[in-house]
């Protein structure tokens, strides 16, 4: 298994209640080294506090204005420390082996045997 850190950036506007399914699917990943950043464009402090209460392990950036999607992703990418960055909409849910399989496609399992 790869030991690469994967930074995941999730952009949300706090609508439709999708964020829980997305973050729950990230929690279930078989790849152990993950860093999750949520960019919150909801402009709702209560929504941000609720995310942190339920998901204390995420990095949360609460914007004071709506950054919209591209600027939000750029902010999340800037905050990430991972070897790889995965950008997600808040309505995306991942199969539990998604990141593990994605890293295999880069040949990282093979490469890590030599490092």
PDB file of N, CA and C in Angstrom:
ATOM      1  N   UNK A   1       0.842  -1.181   0.000  1.00  0.00           N
ATOM      2  CA  UNK A   1       0.000   0.000   0.000  1.00  0.00           C
ATOM      3  C   UNK A   1       0.886   1.244   0.000  1.00  0.00           C
ATOM      4  N   UNK A   2       0.472   2.228  -0.706  1.00  0.00           N
ATOM      5  CA  UNK A   2       1.205   3.484  -0.806  1.00  0.00           C
ATOM      6  C   UNK A   2       1.195   4.226   0.527  1.00  0.00           C
ATOM      7  N   UNK A   3       2.293   4.892   0.829  1.00  0.00           N
ATOM      8  CA  UNK A   3       2.330   5.708   2.044  1.00  0.00           C
ATOM      9  C   UNK A   3       2.238   7.195   1.711  1.00  0.00           C
ATOM     10  N   UNK A   4       1.761   7.515   0.537  1.00  0.00           N
ATOM     11  CA  UNK A   4       1.630   8.900   0.087  1.00  0.00           C
ATOM     12  C   UNK A   4       0.455   9.589   0.781  1.00  0.00           C
ATOM     13  N   UNK A   5       0.687  10.840   1.193  1.00  0.00           N
ATOM     14  CA  UNK A   5      -0.392  11.638   1.769  1.00  0.00           C
ATOM     15  C   UNK A   5      -1.262  12.181   0.641  1.00  0.00           C
ATOM     16  N   UNK A   6      -2.558  11.985   0.773  1.00  0.00           N
ATOM     17  CA  UNK A   6      -3.517  12.501  -0.195  1.00  0.00           C
ATOM     18  C   UNK A   6      -4.330  13.597   0.476  1.00  0.00           C
ATOM     19  N   UNK A   7      -4.297  14.782  -0.103  1.00  0.00           N
ATOM     20  CA  UNK A   7      -5.111  15.899   0.372  1.00  0.00           C
ATOM     21  C   UNK A   7      -6.413  15.894  -0.411  1.00  0.00           C
ATOM     22  N   UNK A   8      -7.519  15.948   0.311  1.00  0.00           N
ATOM     23  CA  UNK A   8      -8.838  15.974  -0.316  1.00  0.00           C
ATOM     24  C   UNK A   8      -9.464  17.331  -0.027  1.00  0.00           C
ATOM     25  N   UNK A   9      -9.883  18.000  -1.085  1.00  0.00           N
ATOM     26  CA  UNK A   9     -10.522  19.313  -0.966  1.00  0.00           C
ATOM     27  C   UNK A   9     -11.985  19.158  -1.344  1.00  0.00           C
ATOM     28  N   UNK A  10     -12.865  19.501  -0.401  1.00  0.00           N
ATOM     29  CA  UNK A  10     -14.308  19.428  -0.631  1.00  0.00           C
ATOM     30  C   UNK A  10     -14.868  20.840  -0.548  1.00  0.00           C
ATOM     31  N   UNK A  11     -15.530  21.266  -1.606  1.00  0.00           N
ATOM     32  CA  UNK A  11     -16.152  22.585  -1.640  1.00  0.00           C
ATOM     33  C   UNK A  11     -17.646  22.421  -1.374  1.00  0.00           C
ATOM     34  N   UNK A  12     -18.148  23.256  -0.466  1.00  0.00           N
ATOM     35  CA  UNK A  12     -19.578  23.198  -0.160  1.00  0.00           C
ATOM     36  C   UNK A  12     -20.154  24.597  -0.029  1.00  0.00           C
ATOM     37  N   UNK A  13     -21.428  24.706  -0.376  1.00  0.00           N
ATOM     38  CA  UNK A  13     -22.178  25.934  -0.133  1.00  0.00           C
ATOM     39  C   UNK A  13     -23.229  25.689   0.940  1.00  0.00           C
ATOM     40  N   UNK A  14     -23.180  24.491   1.534  1.00  0.00           N
ATOM     41  CA  UNK A  14     -24.084  24.170   2.630  1.00  0.00           C
ATOM     42  C   UNK A  14     -25.504  23.862   2.211  1.00  0.00           C
ATOM     43  N   UNK A  15     -25.717  23.491   0.964  1.00  0.00           N
ATOM     44  CA  UNK A  15     -27.064  23.204   0.485  1.00  0.00           C
ATOM     45  C   UNK A  15     -27.251  21.711   0.262  1.00  0.00           C
ATOM     46  N   UNK A  16     -28.484  21.279   0.281  1.00  0.00           N
ATOM     47  CA  UNK A  16     -28.901  19.924  -0.070  1.00  0.00           C
ATOM     48  C   UNK A  16     -28.414  18.819   0.856  1.00  0.00           C
ATOM     49  N   UNK A  17     -27.678  19.118   1.904  1.00  0.00           N
ATOM     50  CA  UNK A  17     -27.287  18.112   2.880  1.00  0.00           C
ATOM     51  C   UNK A  17     -26.388  17.004   2.369  1.00  0.00           C
ATOM     52  N   UNK A  18     -25.619  17.244   1.326  1.00  0.00           N
ATOM     53  CA  UNK A  18     -24.758  16.210   0.759  1.00  0.00           C
ATOM     54  C   UNK A  18     -23.445  16.028   1.517  1.00  0.00           C
ATOM     55  N   UNK A  19     -23.006  17.013   2.235  1.00  0.00           N
ATOM     56  CA  UNK A  19     -21.662  17.002   2.819  1.00  0.00           C
ATOM     57  C   UNK A  19     -21.441  15.797   3.729  1.00  0.00           C
ATOM     58  N   UNK A  20     -22.467  15.366   4.464  1.00  0.00           N
ATOM     59  CA  UNK A  20     -22.301  14.220   5.367  1.00  0.00           C
ATOM     60  C   UNK A  20     -21.956  12.943   4.605  1.00  0.00           C
ATOM     61  N   UNK A  21     -22.673  12.676   3.533  1.00  0.00           N
ATOM     62  CA  UNK A  21     -22.387  11.468   2.741  1.00  0.00           C
ATOM     63  C   UNK A  21     -20.986  11.518   2.166  1.00  0.00           C
ATOM     64  N   UNK A  22     -20.587  12.686   1.714  1.00  0.00           N
ATOM     65  CA  UNK A  22     -19.254  12.850   1.142  1.00  0.00           C
ATOM     66  C   UNK A  22     -18.184  12.594   2.200  1.00  0.00           C
ATOM     67  N   UNK A  23     -18.279  13.275   3.340  1.00  0.00           N
ATOM     68  CA  UNK A  23     -17.259  13.124   4.376  1.00  0.00           C
ATOM     69  C   UNK A  23     -17.279  11.731   4.994  1.00  0.00           C
ATOM     70  N   UNK A  24     -18.449  11.123   5.120  1.00  0.00           N
ATOM     71  CA  UNK A  24     -18.517   9.747   5.620  1.00  0.00           C
ATOM     72  C   UNK A  24     -17.806   8.787   4.676  1.00  0.00           C
ATOM     73  N   UNK A  25     -17.965   8.995   3.370  1.00  0.00           N
ATOM     74  CA  UNK A  25     -17.301   8.110   2.408  1.00  0.00           C
ATOM     75  C   UNK A  25     -15.779   8.307   2.446  1.00  0.00           C
ATOM     76  N   UNK A  26     -15.333   9.497   2.755  1.00  0.00           N
ATOM     77  CA  UNK A  26     -13.896   9.751   2.891  1.00  0.00           C
ATOM     78  C   UNK A  26     -13.370   9.045   4.136  1.00  0.00           C
ATOM     79  N   UNK A  27     -14.111   9.092   5.219  1.00  0.00           N
ATOM     80  CA  UNK A  27     -13.710   8.412   6.462  1.00  0.00           C
ATOM     81  C   UNK A  27     -13.523   6.912   6.271  1.00  0.00           C
ATOM     82  N   UNK A  28     -14.259   6.328   5.353  1.00  0.00           N
ATOM     83  CA  UNK A  28     -14.226   4.876   5.135  1.00  0.00           C
ATOM     84  C   UNK A  28     -13.120   4.429   4.183  1.00  0.00           C
ATOM     85  N   UNK A  29     -12.310   5.342   3.690  1.00  0.00           N
ATOM     86  CA  UNK A  29     -11.277   4.985   2.721  1.00  0.00           C
ATOM     87  C   UNK A  29     -10.270   3.997   3.318  1.00  0.00           C
ATOM     88  N   UNK A  30      -9.827   3.056   2.506  1.00  0.00           N
ATOM     89  CA  UNK A  30      -8.835   2.078   2.951  1.00  0.00           C
ATOM     90  C   UNK A  30      -7.426   2.662   2.942  1.00  0.00           C
ATOM     91  N   UNK A  31      -7.208   3.731   2.214  1.00  0.00           N
ATOM     92  CA  UNK A  31      -5.904   4.392   2.230  1.00  0.00           C
ATOM     93  C   UNK A  31      -5.810   5.191   3.529  1.00  0.00           C
ATOM     94  N   UNK A  32      -4.757   4.961   4.329  1.00  0.00           N
ATOM     95  CA  UNK A  32      -4.722   5.556   5.674  1.00  0.00           C
ATOM     96  C   UNK A  32      -4.250   6.998   5.772  1.00  0.00           C
ATOM     97  N   UNK A  33      -3.525   7.500   4.799  1.00  0.00           N
ATOM     98  CA  UNK A  33      -2.916   8.819   4.943  1.00  0.00           C
ATOM     99  C   UNK A  33      -3.706   9.857   4.153  1.00  0.00           C
ATOM    100  N   UNK A  34      -4.673  10.453   4.846  1.00  0.00           N
ATOM    101  CA  UNK A  34      -5.545  11.436   4.213  1.00  0.00           C
ATOM    102  C   UNK A  34      -5.562  12.718   5.023  1.00  0.00           C
ATOM    103  N   UNK A  35      -5.684  13.812   4.317  1.00  0.00           N
ATOM    104  CA  UNK A  35      -5.876  15.130   4.905  1.00  0.00           C
ATOM    105  C   UNK A  35      -7.097  15.711   4.203  1.00  0.00           C
ATOM    106  N   UNK A  36      -8.107  16.087   4.973  1.00  0.00           N
ATOM    107  CA  UNK A  36      -9.356  16.560   4.384  1.00  0.00           C
ATOM    108  C   UNK A  36      -9.549  18.034   4.713  1.00  0.00           C
ATOM    109  N   UNK A  37      -9.782  18.827   3.677  1.00  0.00           N
ATOM    110  CA  UNK A  37     -10.067  20.247   3.837  1.00  0.00           C
ATOM    111  C   UNK A  37     -11.434  20.533   3.241  1.00  0.00           C
ATOM    112  N   UNK A  38     -12.288  21.165   4.029  1.00  0.00           N
ATOM    113  CA  UNK A  38     -13.604  21.596   3.553  1.00  0.00           C
ATOM    114  C   UNK A  38     -13.563  23.113   3.403  1.00  0.00           C
ATOM    115  N   UNK A  39     -13.896  23.570   2.217  1.00  0.00           N
ATOM    116  CA  UNK A  39     -14.021  24.997   1.960  1.00  0.00           C
ATOM    117  C   UNK A  39     -15.508  25.322   2.032  1.00  0.00           C
ATOM    118  N   UNK A  40     -15.889  26.062   3.065  1.00  0.00           N
ATOM    119  CA  UNK A  40     -17.296  26.354   3.320  1.00  0.00           C
ATOM    120  C   UNK A  40     -17.653  27.734   2.788  1.00  0.00           C
ATOM    121  N   UNK A  41     -18.472  27.736   1.756  1.00  0.00           N
ATOM    122  CA  UNK A  41     -18.976  28.982   1.167  1.00  0.00           C
ATOM    123  C   UNK A  41     -20.398  29.294   1.610  1.00  0.00           C
ATOM    124  N   UNK A  42     -20.875  28.629   2.652  1.00  0.00           N
ATOM    125  CA  UNK A  42     -22.275  28.803   3.056  1.00  0.00           C
ATOM    126  C   UNK A  42     -22.542  30.158   3.699  1.00  0.00           C
ATOM    127  N   UNK A  43     -21.507  30.804   4.222  1.00  0.00           N
ATOM    128  CA  UNK A  43     -21.645  32.067   4.946  1.00  0.00           C
ATOM    129  C   UNK A  43     -22.518  31.901   6.190  1.00  0.00           C
ATOM    130  N   UNK A  44     -22.550  30.668   6.709  1.00  0.00           N
ATOM    131  CA  UNK A  44     -23.375  30.326   7.857  1.00  0.00           C
ATOM    132  C   UNK A  44     -22.480  29.721   8.928  1.00  0.00           C
ATOM    133  N   UNK A  45     -22.211  30.477   9.994  1.00  0.00           N
ATOM    134  CA  UNK A  45     -21.323  29.989  11.049  1.00  0.00           C
ATOM    135  C   UNK A  45     -21.856  28.726  11.704  1.00  0.00           C
ATOM    136  N   UNK A  46     -23.143  28.623  11.829  1.00  0.00           N
ATOM    137  CA  UNK A  46     -23.745  27.435  12.435  1.00  0.00           C
ATOM    138  C   UNK A  46     -23.427  26.188  11.611  1.00  0.00           C
ATOM    139  N   UNK A  47     -23.498  26.320  10.293  1.00  0.00           N
ATOM    140  CA  UNK A  47     -23.167  25.206   9.408  1.00  0.00           C
ATOM    141  C   UNK A  47     -21.707  24.793   9.609  1.00  0.00           C
ATOM    142  N   UNK A  48     -20.805  25.760   9.672  1.00  0.00           N
ATOM    143  CA  UNK A  48     -19.384  25.466   9.882  1.00  0.00           C
ATOM    144  C   UNK A  48     -19.143  24.783  11.219  1.00  0.00           C
ATOM    145  N   UNK A  49     -19.772  25.288  12.265  1.00  0.00           N
ATOM    146  CA  UNK A  49     -19.612  24.679  13.592  1.00  0.00           C
ATOM    147  C   UNK A  49     -20.130  23.245  13.597  1.00  0.00           C
ATOM    148  N   UNK A  50     -21.212  23.018  12.875  1.00  0.00           N
ATOM    149  CA  UNK A  50     -21.783  21.673  12.800  1.00  0.00           C
ATOM    150  C   UNK A  50     -20.831  20.714  12.096  1.00  0.00           C
ATOM    151  N   UNK A  51     -20.189  21.171  11.033  1.00  0.00           N
ATOM    152  CA  UNK A  51     -19.205  20.322  10.345  1.00  0.00           C
ATOM    153  C   UNK A  51     -18.075  19.950  11.303  1.00  0.00           C
ATOM    154  N   UNK A  52     -17.541  20.935  12.002  1.00  0.00           N
ATOM    155  CA  UNK A  52     -16.437  20.664  12.925  1.00  0.00           C
ATOM    156  C   UNK A  52     -16.861  19.779  14.097  1.00  0.00           C
ATOM    157  N   UNK A  53     -18.083  19.907  14.532  1.00  0.00           N
ATOM    158  CA  UNK A  53     -18.575  19.064  15.622  1.00  0.00           C
ATOM    159  C   UNK A  53     -18.646  17.603  15.177  1.00  0.00           C
ATOM    160  N   UNK A  54     -19.143  17.370  13.981  1.00  0.00           N
ATOM    161  CA  UNK A  54     -19.301  15.997  13.485  1.00  0.00           C
ATOM    162  C   UNK A  54     -18.028  15.433  12.873  1.00  0.00           C
ATOM    163  N   UNK A  55     -17.166  16.302  12.361  1.00  0.00           N
ATOM    164  CA  UNK A  55     -15.946  15.874  11.671  1.00  0.00           C
ATOM    165  C   UNK A  55     -14.759  16.681  12.203  1.00  0.00           C
ATOM    166  N   UNK A  56     -14.374  16.453  13.443  1.00  0.00           N
ATOM    167  CA  UNK A  56     -13.314  17.270  14.056  1.00  0.00           C
ATOM    168  C   UNK A  56     -11.942  17.092  13.404  1.00  0.00           C
ATOM    169  N   UNK A  57     -11.791  16.061  12.614  1.00  0.00           N
ATOM    170  CA  UNK A  57     -10.504  15.794  11.970  1.00  0.00           C
ATOM    171  C   UNK A  57     -10.322  16.531  10.647  1.00  0.00           C
ATOM    172  N   UNK A  58     -11.327  17.276  10.180  1.00  0.00           N
ATOM    173  CA  UNK A  58     -11.177  18.007   8.918  1.00  0.00           C
ATOM    174  C   UNK A  58     -10.603  19.390   9.172  1.00  0.00           C
ATOM    175  N   UNK A  59      -9.904  19.895   8.188  1.00  0.00           N
ATOM    176  CA  UNK A  59      -9.481  21.297   8.179  1.00  0.00           C
ATOM    177  C   UNK A  59     -10.624  22.071   7.537  1.00  0.00           C
ATOM    178  N   UNK A  60     -11.076  23.093   8.208  1.00  0.00           N
ATOM    179  CA  UNK A  60     -12.210  23.853   7.688  1.00  0.00           C
ATOM    180  C   UNK A  60     -11.779  25.279   7.395  1.00  0.00           C
ATOM    181  N   UNK A  61     -12.088  25.723   6.191  1.00  0.00           N
ATOM    182  CA  UNK A  61     -11.879  27.126   5.832  1.00  0.00           C
ATOM    183  C   UNK A  61     -13.251  27.717   5.622  1.00  0.00           C
ATOM    184  N   UNK A  62     -13.633  28.628   6.520  1.00  0.00           N
ATOM    185  CA  UNK A  62     -14.924  29.293   6.394  1.00  0.00           C
ATOM    186  C   UNK A  62     -14.704  30.643   5.734  1.00  0.00           C
ATOM    187  N   UNK A  63     -15.205  30.753   4.544  1.00  0.00           N
ATOM    188  CA  UNK A  63     -15.032  31.981   3.784  1.00  0.00           C
ATOM    189  C   UNK A  63     -15.981  33.059   4.279  1.00  0.00           C
ATOM    190  N   UNK A  64     -15.526  34.292   4.233  1.00  0.00           N
ATOM    191  CA  UNK A  64     -16.374  35.433   4.606  1.00  0.00           C
ATOM    192  C   UNK A  64     -17.218  35.898   3.424  1.00  0.00           C
ATOM    193  N   UNK A  65     -16.877  35.388   2.242  1.00  0.00           N
ATOM    194  CA  UNK A  65     -17.668  35.671   1.048  1.00  0.00           C
ATOM    195  C   UNK A  65     -17.671  34.406   0.204  1.00  0.00           C
ATOM    196  N   UNK A  66     -18.622  34.302  -0.686  1.00  0.00           N
ATOM    197  CA  UNK A  66     -18.676  33.130  -1.545  1.00  0.00           C
ATOM    198  C   UNK A  66     -17.527  33.205  -2.543  1.00  0.00           C
ATOM    199  N   UNK A  67     -16.593  32.271  -2.436  1.00  0.00           N
ATOM    200  CA  UNK A  67     -15.449  32.241  -3.353  1.00  0.00           C
ATOM    201  C   UNK A  67     -15.795  31.578  -4.679  1.00  0.00           C
ATOM    202  N   UNK A  68     -16.955  30.966  -4.736  1.00  0.00           N
ATOM    203  CA  UNK A  68     -17.375  30.173  -5.886  1.00  0.00           C
ATOM    204  C   UNK A  68     -16.426  28.996  -6.056  1.00  0.00           C
ATOM    205  N   UNK A  69     -16.668  28.196  -7.034  1.00  0.00           N
ATOM    206  CA  UNK A  69     -16.015  26.882  -7.085  1.00  0.00           C
ATOM    207  C   UNK A  69     -14.513  26.940  -7.362  1.00  0.00           C
ATOM    208  N   UNK A  70     -14.101  27.601  -8.406  1.00  0.00           N
ATOM    209  CA  UNK A  70     -12.681  27.577  -8.792  1.00  0.00           C
ATOM    210  C   UNK A  70     -11.779  28.219  -7.746  1.00  0.00           C
ATOM    211  N   UNK A  71     -12.170  29.370  -7.242  1.00  0.00           N
ATOM    212  CA  UNK A  71     -11.362  30.031  -6.224  1.00  0.00           C
ATOM    213  C   UNK A  71     -11.328  29.202  -4.935  1.00  0.00           C
ATOM    214  N   UNK A  72     -12.438  28.526  -4.636  1.00  0.00           N
ATOM    215  CA  UNK A  72     -12.487  27.649  -3.470  1.00  0.00           C
ATOM    216  C   UNK A  72     -11.506  26.489  -3.624  1.00  0.00           C
ATOM    217  N   UNK A  73     -11.507  25.872  -4.789  1.00  0.00           N
ATOM    218  CA  UNK A  73     -10.553  24.780  -5.029  1.00  0.00           C
ATOM    219  C   UNK A  73      -9.121  25.274  -4.919  1.00  0.00           C
ATOM    220  N   UNK A  74      -8.850  26.428  -5.492  1.00  0.00           N
ATOM    221  CA  UNK A  74      -7.496  26.982  -5.399  1.00  0.00           C
ATOM    222  C   UNK A  74      -7.085  27.200  -3.952  1.00  0.00           C
ATOM    223  N   UNK A  75      -8.002  27.689  -3.121  1.00  0.00           N
ATOM    224  CA  UNK A  75      -7.714  27.891  -1.697  1.00  0.00           C
ATOM    225  C   UNK A  75      -7.411  26.556  -1.023  1.00  0.00           C
ATOM    226  N   UNK A  76      -8.210  25.553  -1.304  1.00  0.00           N
ATOM    227  CA  UNK A  76      -7.999  24.229  -0.719  1.00  0.00           C
ATOM    228  C   UNK A  76      -6.701  23.589  -1.175  1.00  0.00           C
ATOM    229  N   UNK A  77      -6.372  23.742  -2.439  1.00  0.00           N
ATOM    230  CA  UNK A  77      -5.119  23.202  -2.972  1.00  0.00           C
ATOM    231  C   UNK A  77      -3.942  23.899  -2.307  1.00  0.00           C
ATOM    232  N   UNK A  78      -4.047  25.198  -2.132  1.00  0.00           N
ATOM    233  CA  UNK A  78      -2.999  25.969  -1.459  1.00  0.00           C
ATOM    234  C   UNK A  78      -2.795  25.482  -0.019  1.00  0.00           C
ATOM    235  N   UNK A  79      -3.865  25.099   0.644  1.00  0.00           N
ATOM    236  CA  UNK A  79      -3.790  24.636   2.031  1.00  0.00           C
ATOM    237  C   UNK A  79      -3.266  23.209   2.144  1.00  0.00           C
ATOM    238  N   UNK A  80      -3.395  22.427   1.078  1.00  0.00           N
ATOM    239  CA  UNK A  80      -3.027  21.015   1.127  1.00  0.00           C
ATOM    240  C   UNK A  80      -1.532  20.779   1.232  1.00  0.00           C
ATOM    241  N   UNK A  81      -1.198  19.706   1.940  1.00  0.00           N
ATOM    242  CA  UNK A  81       0.195  19.311   2.115  1.00  0.00           C
ATOM    243  C   UNK A  81       0.496  17.956   1.478  1.00  0.00           C
ATOM    244  N   UNK A  82      -0.485  17.401   0.799  1.00  0.00           N
ATOM    245  CA  UNK A  82      -0.360  16.050   0.274  1.00  0.00           C
ATOM    246  C   UNK A  82       0.509  15.936  -0.959  1.00  0.00           C
ATOM    247  N   UNK A  83       0.898  14.683  -1.213  1.00  0.00           N
ATOM    248  CA  UNK A  83       1.629  14.346  -2.429  1.00  0.00           C
ATOM    249  C   UNK A  83       0.686  14.364  -3.631  1.00  0.00           C
ATOM    250  N   UNK A  84      -0.580  14.110  -3.360  1.00  0.00           N
ATOM    251  CA  UNK A  84      -1.637  14.144  -4.369  1.00  0.00           C
ATOM    252  C   UNK A  84      -2.800  14.933  -3.799  1.00  0.00           C
ATOM    253  N   UNK A  85      -3.567  15.561  -4.679  1.00  0.00           N
ATOM    254  CA  UNK A  85      -4.739  16.319  -4.258  1.00  0.00           C
ATOM    255  C   UNK A  85      -5.943  15.816  -5.039  1.00  0.00           C
ATOM    256  N   UNK A  86      -7.003  15.515  -4.304  1.00  0.00           N
ATOM    257  CA  UNK A  86      -8.264  15.087  -4.894  1.00  0.00           C
ATOM    258  C   UNK A  86      -9.290  16.175  -4.620  1.00  0.00           C
ATOM    259  N   UNK A  87      -9.871  16.732  -5.666  1.00  0.00           N
ATOM    260  CA  UNK A  87     -10.880  17.784  -5.538  1.00  0.00           C
ATOM    261  C   UNK A  87     -12.253  17.162  -5.715  1.00  0.00           C
ATOM    262  N   UNK A  88     -13.153  17.442  -4.750  1.00  0.00           N
ATOM    263  CA  UNK A  88     -14.485  16.846  -4.786  1.00  0.00           C
ATOM    264  C   UNK A  88     -15.571  17.895  -4.608  1.00  0.00           C
ATOM    265  N   UNK A  89     -16.686  17.663  -5.261  1.00  0.00           N
ATOM    266  CA  UNK A  89     -17.918  18.380  -4.941  1.00  0.00           C
ATOM    267  C   UNK A  89     -18.481  17.749  -3.681  1.00  0.00           C
ATOM    268  N   UNK A  90     -19.291  18.481  -2.948  1.00  0.00           N
ATOM    269  CA  UNK A  90     -19.840  17.938  -1.713  1.00  0.00           C
ATOM    270  C   UNK A  90     -20.902  16.869  -1.931  1.00  0.00           C
ATOM    271  N   UNK A  91     -21.350  16.674  -3.170  1.00  0.00           N
ATOM    272  CA  UNK A  91     -22.331  15.623  -3.444  1.00  0.00           C
ATOM    273  C   UNK A  91     -21.682  14.344  -3.974  1.00  0.00           C
ATOM    274  N   UNK A  92     -20.352  14.279  -3.961  1.00  0.00           N
ATOM    275  CA  UNK A  92     -19.653  13.078  -4.396  1.00  0.00           C
ATOM    276  C   UNK A  92     -19.504  12.107  -3.226  1.00  0.00           C
ATOM    277  N   UNK A  93     -19.684  10.824  -3.505  1.00  0.00           N
ATOM    278  CA  UNK A  93     -19.381   9.794  -2.522  1.00  0.00           C
ATOM    279  C   UNK A  93     -18.424   8.809  -3.169  1.00  0.00           C
ATOM    280  N   UNK A  94     -17.469   8.353  -2.381  1.00  0.00           N
ATOM    281  CA  UNK A  94     -16.410   7.495  -2.893  1.00  0.00           C
ATOM    282  C   UNK A  94     -16.575   6.060  -2.426  1.00  0.00           C
ATOM    283  N   UNK A  95     -16.293   5.122  -3.314  1.00  0.00           N
ATOM    284  CA  UNK A  95     -16.161   3.735  -2.908  1.00  0.00           C
ATOM    285  C   UNK A  95     -15.011   3.665  -1.913  1.00  0.00           C
ATOM    286  N   UNK A  96     -15.092   2.775  -0.937  1.00  0.00           N
ATOM    287  CA  UNK A  96     -14.092   2.749   0.135  1.00  0.00           C
ATOM    288  C   UNK A  96     -12.666   2.509  -0.350  1.00  0.00           C
ATOM    289  N   UNK A  97     -12.481   1.935  -1.515  1.00  0.00           N
ATOM    290  CA  UNK A  97     -11.136   1.686  -2.052  1.00  0.00           C
ATOM    291  C   UNK A  97     -10.748   2.667  -3.158  1.00  0.00           C
ATOM    292  N   UNK A  98     -11.520   3.734  -3.330  1.00  0.00           N
ATOM    293  CA  UNK A  98     -11.284   4.661  -4.431  1.00  0.00           C
ATOM    294  C   UNK A  98      -9.856   5.203  -4.433  1.00  0.00           C
ATOM    295  N   UNK A  99      -9.413   5.747  -3.329  1.00  0.00           N
ATOM    296  CA  UNK A  99      -8.087   6.372  -3.296  1.00  0.00           C
ATOM    297  C   UNK A  99      -6.993   5.320  -3.419  1.00  0.00           C
ATOM    298  N   UNK A 100      -7.156   4.206  -2.761  1.00  0.00           N
ATOM    299  CA  UNK A 100      -6.173   3.118  -2.877  1.00  0.00           C
ATOM    300  C   UNK A 100      -6.014   2.685  -4.331  1.00  0.00           C
ATOM    301  N   UNK A 101      -7.117   2.503  -5.023  1.00  0.00           N
ATOM    302  CA  UNK A 101      -7.068   2.076  -6.422  1.00  0.00           C
ATOM    303  C   UNK A 101      -6.522   3.182  -7.323  1.00  0.00           C
ATOM    304  N   UNK A 102      -6.882   4.426  -7.034  1.00  0.00           N
ATOM    305  CA  UNK A 102      -6.368   5.542  -7.840  1.00  0.00           C
ATOM    306  C   UNK A 102      -4.850   5.622  -7.717  1.00  0.00           C
ATOM    307  N   UNK A 103      -4.326   5.451  -6.515  1.00  0.00           N
ATOM    308  CA  UNK A 103      -2.879   5.497  -6.328  1.00  0.00           C
ATOM    309  C   UNK A 103      -2.190   4.328  -7.029  1.00  0.00           C
ATOM    310  N   UNK A 104      -2.833   3.173  -7.055  1.00  0.00           N
ATOM    311  CA  UNK A 104      -2.267   2.030  -7.780  1.00  0.00           C
ATOM    312  C   UNK A 104      -2.097   2.355  -9.259  1.00  0.00           C
ATOM    313  N   UNK A 105      -3.030   3.121  -9.796  1.00  0.00           N
ATOM    314  CA  UNK A 105      -2.941   3.453 -11.223  1.00  0.00           C
ATOM    315  C   UNK A 105      -1.730   4.332 -11.522  1.00  0.00           C
ATOM    316  N   UNK A 106      -1.206   4.995 -10.504  1.00  0.00           N
ATOM    317  CA  UNK A 106       0.023   5.774 -10.661  1.00  0.00           C
ATOM    318  C   UNK A 106       1.258   4.904 -10.448  1.00  0.00           C
ATOM    319  N   UNK A 107       1.054   3.623 -10.124  1.00  0.00           N
ATOM    320  CA  UNK A 107       2.175   2.720  -9.898  1.00  0.00           C
ATOM    321  C   UNK A 107       2.855   2.938  -8.559  1.00  0.00           C
ATOM    322  N   UNK A 108       2.175   3.557  -7.608  1.00  0.00           N
ATOM    323  CA  UNK A 108       2.816   3.901  -6.347  1.00  0.00           C
ATOM    324  C   UNK A 108       3.072   2.700  -5.451  1.00  0.00           C
ATOM    325  N   UNK A 109       2.260   1.667  -5.535  1.00  0.00           N
ATOM    326  CA  UNK A 109       2.530   0.488  -4.728  1.00  0.00           C
ATOM    327  C   UNK A 109       3.872  -0.094  -5.144  1.00  0.00           C
ATOM    328  N   UNK A 110       4.118  -0.181  -6.431  1.00  0.00           N
ATOM    329  CA  UNK A 110       5.380  -0.681  -6.952  1.00  0.00           C
ATOM    330  C   UNK A 110       6.548   0.236  -6.579  1.00  0.00           C
ATOM    331  N   UNK A 111       6.363   1.529  -6.759  1.00  0.00           N
ATOM    332  CA  UNK A 111       7.439   2.489  -6.489  1.00  0.00           C
ATOM    333  C   UNK A 111       7.832   2.508  -5.020  1.00  0.00           C
ATOM    334  N   UNK A 112       6.876   2.337  -4.119  1.00  0.00           N
ATOM    335  CA  UNK A 112       7.181   2.398  -2.691  1.00  0.00           C
ATOM    336  C   UNK A 112       8.021   1.224  -2.233  1.00  0.00           C
ATOM    337  N   UNK A 113       8.049   0.149  -2.994  1.00  0.00           N
ATOM    338  CA  UNK A 113       8.900  -0.983  -2.638  1.00  0.00           C
ATOM    339  C   UNK A 113      10.378  -0.639  -2.794  1.00  0.00           C
ATOM    340  N   UNK A 114      10.688   0.437  -3.503  1.00  0.00           N
ATOM    341  CA  UNK A 114      12.065   0.792  -3.775  1.00  0.00           C
ATOM    342  C   UNK A 114      12.510   2.036  -3.022  1.00  0.00           C
ATOM    343  N   UNK A 115      11.638   2.623  -2.234  1.00  0.00           N
ATOM    344  CA  UNK A 115      12.020   3.839  -1.508  1.00  0.00           C
ATOM    345  C   UNK A 115      12.178   3.570  -0.036  1.00  0.00           C
TER     346      UNK A 115
END
